[in-house]
Amino acid sequence: FFSPCFINCIEILCGYRSCFEWIQFYREVYPDFQPSSIHGRRNLLREELERKDMLERRLRIDIPEFYVGSIVAVTYSDKKLIGLRNRFLGICINRRLEGLKSQFTLRNVIEGIGVEVMYEMYTPTITKIEVIKLEKRLDDDLSYLIDAYPEYSTFDIHMEPTRWELFDYKGIEDVWSEQTPWYKKKFRRTKITNLRKYDLIADYRQIMTDIDEELLIEQEMLDFEIQRQQTGATKRKILRSAEQPYIHDL
């Protein structure tokens, strides 16, 4: 017998319950909505309550899609500052943790001094998040920029937003063949990792539960969005992607 969750996912994929278009790269667009990567620390009730708080927060503030490598500006309130607000712009060098603990770090070089600021995604002190350039790097962590030349981390704090996703650029093709032998050797599998193909539990966790959890969380976000829009509480769209701007049609 198949589990109800598995049947639910199959129905959605087959079109029997095609209420929305599945976001192809959902885990990259919404990394903060993913369950903990440590299975022993997962708690379904806690994760559900956290997602509800996160969705409520997204009704108050627009949290756009951005990745490691994007140029982001954050406006936050601070009672110790003149004007009670401050705005910092920089390149996103890191995104970590999940749920209400989600964090991201911005880096910029101001007057010759490297400045890195870590923000909690859902803290009430953040009043606005702007994506100046929507870009994505191959690395998931750009902390090595601290040892790079300052020009790689220097950005004008008055930069205007750039909508690169509207230009329909195709990117770089066949990147692997252009890499150096040292770079390819770095990603070569060892004899120990060859045993990975016999780990059935790892296959289940990475393949089956991923699509299962993604579809359920997406459906939960969509139901919350539709419910709040029907009650007139907001017109904001929460479930969206730069690659797929129209996920559903109400």
Foldseek 3Di string as FASTA:
>chain_A
DDDPLLVVLVCCVVPVPVQWFADPPLCQQAVQLDFDPPVVPGDVVVSVVLLVLVLVLCQQAPDGGAAQFFWKKWKFADPVDVVRIDIDIWGWFAWDDHGQQTKIKGWAQDPNRIDIDIDRPRDPRTRYMDTQGHDYDPDRGRPCCVVPDRVVIHDDSPRHRDLPLVVPDPDDPPVVVVDDPVVVVVPDDDPVCVCVVVPVVVVCVVPVVVSSVSVVSLVVSVVVQVVCVVVVVHPDDDDADSNGGDGHDD
